[in-house]
Structure formats: C-alpha cells, structure tokens
Amino acid sequence: MTVGVPDGVPASPALSTVDLPAAGAPEHLRADPRLAEVIAAADGVDVFAWEKARPWHSPFEALVRAIAGQQISTFAAAAIYRRLVTLAGDPLTPQGVLARPPEELRAAGLSGRKVGYLRDLAERTLDGRLQLDRLDELSDEQVRTQLVAVSGIGRWSADMFLLFELHRPDVFPAGDLGLRKAVQLLDGLDRVPAEREAEARSERWRPYRSLATRYLFWWLYRARTPVAPDS
C-alpha cells in the first residue's frame, strides 16, 4: 500500500524512491576477506527488510522519535510517541509541538529536558536553521552539522538519521556500541574497539560503508539470536 505524504510535511526518502547500493557494492565489500564471510552467510537475506517494512514518517517525526526514545525502552518510547501524536496532531509537525504548553508535553511522558529538546528541534525547523526541506541538497557533513546543533541530538543520532532515514550510501556510525562489537567479532579482537579504531577499520569499505554497516548489524543480531536445534 502506498502511503501519501501529508501536505506541507517534508518527506523522508523511501527505499522505493532512493537509489539502493550499486550492483558492484557487495563485490567491493568482498575484497575484505572477513566481511566477505559475513556477506556469504547473509546470502538470500534482505538486509533492508526492516526499513522497507516501516510505516512512512517525516524527517521531523523521525527526529522526535529519536529524542523521545533516548535512554528508555522501545515500548515506553512508542507509548510516549502515541500520546504526543494524540496531543499535538497526526502527522506530528513543528507547529503542533510548539502549540502545546511545556506542561502538557511533560504530561505525555517526556522529561523536562526532552521537552526543551523537542521545542528546540521545532523552532530550528521552522526558522530554517534546520533545513529538513532541503535534505536532498545537503552533504552528509552539512546534515550532521545542522542536526548536532539541535539540543539533545549528538553525532550518533545524526549518523543513524543519515543511515536509516536518508539512506545515504557511505555512513558508518562508529558511536554505536553494537556496531563496534560487531567489528570486534569480525576481527577476533579481545576488546571492543574505540570509536576512532572502528572508524579507521571502516575506511576500506568506502564508498559503501552503509551497506557494510547493515551486514554487520544483521550478523550481530544473528550471533545474539539462539538457533533452535534441528527436530
């Protein structure tokens, strides 16, 4: 089912409307023998399946979800977001957020600090300091710079937005502990690499680090998921 974009709401690129990795991307990544083993193990697996299955949401809504979900469970974050939508409107917009008094936003389950973060996000979106309507025209670094200027959004959140919302092809969120643990497993290290070490390790996967990241996330998930014995 095709989901329409509400009028006046900047659209987040859907996988059906952005370029997936070039056909030669997996072959490029296979030049790394260790990553080649991961790719072979994922034969027949659609590492984009989770993204394809997600409902449509705007870039603003994605960032609201990211802020609301900080340091709480996925279940709690989803409940808070549902209350926000009920309170401020569906789809959630900067105007809708700013129209509600801070105490009402706190009553939805947000901390006072997160209320400040959401109001800063909304204000920056409306006054143009955060150009959500021009994302396709901005480089990765320009997007990062605008995002990390928002209260409550750091480098990790910006990288995850570039990777999973904008589907940029060469993103490696080295700040993600799970991803660094995958690098540890990949290379048989006795400790989790530091961010700078993981970033350096990813250099050989350019310009397709986003695809390498998806393979590594899939591999880490599989390693953590018990396999039922054959019956």
Protein backbone atom coordinates (compact mmCIF):
# COMPACT_ATOMS: atom_id res chain seq x y z
CA MET A 1 0.00 0.00 0.00
CA THR A 2 1.34 3.41 -0.91
CA VAL A 3 1.19 5.94 1.89
CA GLY A 4 0.68 9.53 0.80
CA VAL A 5 2.73 12.39 2.22
CA PRO A 6 0.57 14.95 4.03
CA ASP A 7 0.60 18.42 2.50
CA GLY A 8 3.31 20.69 3.86
CA VAL A 9 5.26 17.92 5.59
CA PRO A 10 8.80 17.27 4.29
CA ALA A 11 9.08 13.70 3.09
CA SER A 12 11.69 11.22 4.23
CA PRO A 13 13.10 9.32 1.23
CA ALA A 14 11.52 5.89 0.94
CA LEU A 15 13.50 2.93 -0.29
CA SER A 16 11.33 2.85 -3.37
CA THR A 17 12.40 6.38 -4.30
CA VAL A 18 16.12 6.40 -3.48
CA ASP A 19 18.99 4.53 -5.02
CA LEU A 20 19.90 1.26 -3.34
CA PRO A 21 23.61 0.34 -3.31
CA ALA A 22 25.19 -0.05 -6.73
CA ALA A 23 25.25 -3.56 -8.11
CA GLY A 24 29.01 -3.66 -7.57
CA ALA A 25 28.80 -2.72 -3.88
CA PRO A 26 28.79 -6.27 -2.46
CA GLU A 27 31.71 -7.21 -4.69
CA HIS A 28 33.64 -4.19 -3.46
CA LEU A 29 32.98 -5.20 0.15
CA ARG A 30 34.02 -8.80 -0.54
CA ALA A 31 37.56 -7.53 -1.09
CA ASP A 32 37.72 -7.63 2.71
CA PRO A 33 38.01 -11.41 3.35
CA ARG A 34 36.42 -11.23 6.79
CA LEU A 35 33.47 -9.15 5.65
CA ALA A 36 33.17 -11.47 2.64
CA GLU A 37 32.36 -14.30 5.08
CA VAL A 38 29.57 -12.24 6.61
CA ILE A 39 28.16 -11.43 3.17
CA ALA A 40 28.28 -15.11 2.23
CA ALA A 41 26.42 -16.03 5.42
CA ALA A 42 23.76 -13.44 4.54
CA ASP A 43 23.16 -14.89 1.08
CA GLY A 44 19.45 -14.54 0.34
CA VAL A 45 18.87 -12.18 3.26
CA ASP A 46 17.39 -8.75 2.54
CA VAL A 47 19.34 -6.51 4.91
CA PHE A 48 16.95 -3.68 4.02
CA ALA A 49 13.83 -5.64 5.05
CA TRP A 50 13.35 -3.80 8.35
CA GLU A 51 13.46 -0.41 6.64
CA LYS A 52 11.09 -1.47 3.89
CA ALA A 53 8.57 -2.71 6.44
CA ARG A 54 8.45 0.51 8.46
CA PRO A 55 5.49 2.87 8.07
CA TRP A 56 6.15 6.23 6.44
CA HIS A 57 7.15 9.12 8.68
CA SER A 58 8.56 12.57 8.03
CA PRO A 59 12.12 13.59 8.93
CA PHE A 60 10.71 15.74 11.74
CA GLU A 61 8.76 12.81 13.15
CA ALA A 62 11.85 10.59 12.92
CA LEU A 63 13.85 13.10 14.96
CA VAL A 64 11.06 13.45 17.53
CA ARG A 65 11.08 9.67 17.91
CA ALA A 66 14.84 9.68 18.34
CA ILE A 67 14.68 12.30 21.10
CA ALA A 68 11.67 10.81 22.87
CA GLY A 69 13.29 7.37 22.85
CA GLN A 70 16.58 8.35 24.47
CA GLN A 71 17.54 6.17 27.46
CA ILE A 72 14.17 4.42 27.74
CA SER A 73 12.79 1.14 26.43
CA THR A 74 11.36 0.80 22.94
CA PHE A 75 7.95 0.03 24.45
CA ALA A 76 7.98 3.16 26.63
CA ALA A 77 9.17 5.32 23.73
CA ALA A 78 6.34 4.07 21.49
CA ALA A 79 3.77 4.81 24.19
CA ILE A 80 5.09 8.35 24.67
CA TYR A 81 5.09 8.99 20.93
CA ARG A 82 1.47 7.84 20.64
CA ARG A 83 0.50 10.27 23.40
CA LEU A 84 2.40 13.06 21.65
CA VAL A 85 0.53 12.43 18.41
CA THR A 86 -2.79 12.43 20.27
CA LEU A 87 -1.83 15.70 21.93
CA ALA A 88 -0.15 17.62 19.11
CA GLY A 89 -1.65 16.12 15.96
CA ASP A 90 -1.05 13.43 13.35
CA PRO A 91 1.20 13.91 11.47
CA LEU A 92 3.36 15.49 14.13
CA THR A 93 4.66 18.89 12.98
CA PRO A 94 6.82 21.66 14.45
CA GLN A 95 3.76 23.88 14.66
CA GLY A 96 1.84 21.21 16.55
CA VAL A 97 4.63 20.72 19.07
CA LEU A 98 5.08 24.43 19.74
CA ALA A 99 1.32 24.93 20.09
CA ARG A 100 1.25 22.77 23.24
CA PRO A 101 2.41 24.21 26.59
CA PRO A 102 5.50 22.51 28.06
CA GLU A 103 3.48 21.07 30.95
CA GLU A 104 1.20 19.24 28.51
CA LEU A 105 4.23 17.75 26.75
CA ARG A 106 5.59 16.63 30.11
CA ALA A 107 2.23 15.05 30.89
CA ALA A 108 2.68 12.90 27.78
CA GLY A 109 5.66 11.29 29.50
CA LEU A 110 8.57 13.47 28.43
CA SER A 111 11.13 14.75 30.89
CA GLY A 112 11.55 18.48 31.21
CA ARG A 113 14.87 18.21 29.39
CA LYS A 114 13.33 16.33 26.47
CA VAL A 115 10.56 18.91 26.22
CA GLY A 116 13.29 21.51 25.75
CA TYR A 117 14.95 19.36 23.11
CA LEU A 118 11.70 18.96 21.15
CA ARG A 119 10.94 22.67 21.30
CA ASP A 120 14.45 23.48 20.06
CA LEU A 121 14.01 20.96 17.22
CA ALA A 122 10.68 22.51 16.25
CA GLU A 123 11.96 26.09 16.43
CA ARG A 124 15.03 25.32 14.33
CA THR A 125 12.88 23.55 11.74
CA LEU A 126 10.52 26.50 11.44
CA ASP A 127 13.15 29.23 11.31
CA GLY A 128 15.34 27.39 8.80
CA ARG A 129 18.38 26.69 10.94
CA LEU A 130 17.50 23.01 10.44
CA GLN A 131 16.65 22.63 6.75
CA LEU A 132 14.53 19.48 6.72
CA ASP A 133 13.01 20.60 3.42
CA ARG A 134 16.45 20.66 1.72
CA LEU A 135 17.97 17.41 2.96
CA ASP A 136 18.49 16.04 -0.54
CA GLU A 137 20.58 19.10 -1.40
CA LEU A 138 22.88 18.85 1.64
CA SER A 139 26.04 16.78 2.01
CA ASP A 140 26.36 14.25 4.83
CA GLU A 141 28.52 16.65 6.81
CA GLN A 142 26.10 19.54 6.30
CA VAL A 143 23.24 17.39 7.60
CA ARG A 144 25.34 16.32 10.61
CA THR A 145 26.30 19.91 11.40
CA GLN A 146 22.68 21.07 11.40
CA LEU A 147 21.48 18.10 13.43
CA VAL A 148 24.09 18.19 16.19
CA ALA A 149 23.30 21.88 16.71
CA VAL A 150 19.88 20.76 17.96
CA SER A 151 19.75 20.25 21.71
CA GLY A 152 19.68 16.54 22.51
CA ILE A 153 20.97 15.30 19.14
CA GLY A 154 24.54 14.05 19.01
CA ARG A 155 26.80 12.51 16.37
CA TRP A 156 25.36 9.01 16.83
CA SER A 157 21.77 10.19 16.31
CA ALA A 158 22.84 12.21 13.27
CA ASP A 159 24.61 9.21 11.75
CA MET A 160 21.64 6.91 12.35
CA PHE A 161 19.39 9.50 10.69
CA LEU A 162 21.69 9.63 7.66
CA LEU A 163 21.80 5.84 7.50
CA PHE A 164 18.20 4.79 8.11
CA GLU A 165 16.15 7.87 7.21
CA LEU A 166 18.08 9.41 4.32
CA HIS A 167 19.66 6.13 3.15
CA ARG A 168 22.98 7.79 2.44
CA PRO A 169 25.42 5.24 0.95
CA ASP A 170 28.61 5.86 2.93
CA VAL A 171 27.71 6.13 6.62
CA PHE A 172 29.42 4.19 9.41
CA PRO A 173 28.03 5.18 12.86
CA ALA A 174 31.16 4.37 14.87
CA GLY A 175 29.49 5.71 18.01
CA ASP A 176 27.16 2.70 18.04
CA LEU A 177 28.38 0.20 20.64
CA GLY A 178 26.63 -2.70 18.93
CA LEU A 179 28.35 -1.93 15.65
CA ARG A 180 31.73 -1.75 17.38
CA LYS A 181 31.02 -5.12 19.00
CA ALA A 182 30.35 -6.49 15.51
CA VAL A 183 33.77 -5.19 14.42
CA GLN A 184 35.27 -6.90 17.47
CA LEU A 185 33.68 -10.20 16.41
CA LEU A 186 34.66 -9.65 12.79
CA ASP A 187 38.34 -9.24 13.60
CA GLY A 188 38.51 -11.55 16.62
CA LEU A 189 39.62 -8.74 18.94
CA ASP A 190 39.94 -9.21 22.69
CA ARG A 191 38.14 -5.92 23.36
CA VAL A 192 35.60 -3.64 21.77
CA PRO A 193 37.44 -1.14 19.53
CA ALA A 194 37.27 2.56 20.33
CA GLU A 195 35.27 4.78 18.00
CA ARG A 196 38.35 6.04 16.18
CA GLU A 197 39.61 2.47 15.71
CA ALA A 198 36.28 1.27 14.33
CA GLU A 199 36.11 4.31 12.06
CA ALA A 200 39.59 3.55 10.73
CA ARG A 201 38.62 -0.10 10.18
CA SER A 202 35.65 1.00 8.08
CA GLU A 203 37.77 3.04 5.67
CA ARG A 204 38.40 0.08 3.38
CA TRP A 205 34.64 -0.27 2.84
CA ARG A 206 34.22 3.19 1.32
CA PRO A 207 32.16 4.28 -0.57
CA TYR A 208 29.66 1.62 0.56
CA ARG A 209 30.01 1.74 4.32
CA SER A 210 26.25 1.92 4.81
CA LEU A 211 25.82 -1.50 3.21
CA ALA A 212 28.71 -2.88 5.27
CA THR A 213 27.01 -1.48 8.38
CA ARG A 214 23.76 -3.26 7.56
CA TYR A 215 25.57 -6.56 7.06
CA LEU A 216 27.34 -6.13 10.39
CA PHE A 217 24.12 -5.26 12.23
CA TRP A 218 22.47 -8.33 10.71
CA TRP A 219 25.44 -10.51 11.67
CA LEU A 220 25.47 -9.22 15.25
CA TYR A 221 21.73 -9.82 15.57
CA ARG A 222 22.14 -13.37 14.27
CA ALA A 223 25.01 -14.02 16.69
CA ARG A 224 22.81 -12.92 19.59
CA THR A 225 19.75 -14.93 18.48
CA PRO A 226 19.68 -18.57 19.68
CA VAL A 227 19.23 -21.08 16.87
CA ALA A 228 16.63 -23.77 17.57
CA PRO A 229 18.06 -27.32 17.33
CA ASP A 230 17.01 -29.46 14.40
CA SER A 231 13.98 -31.59 15.20
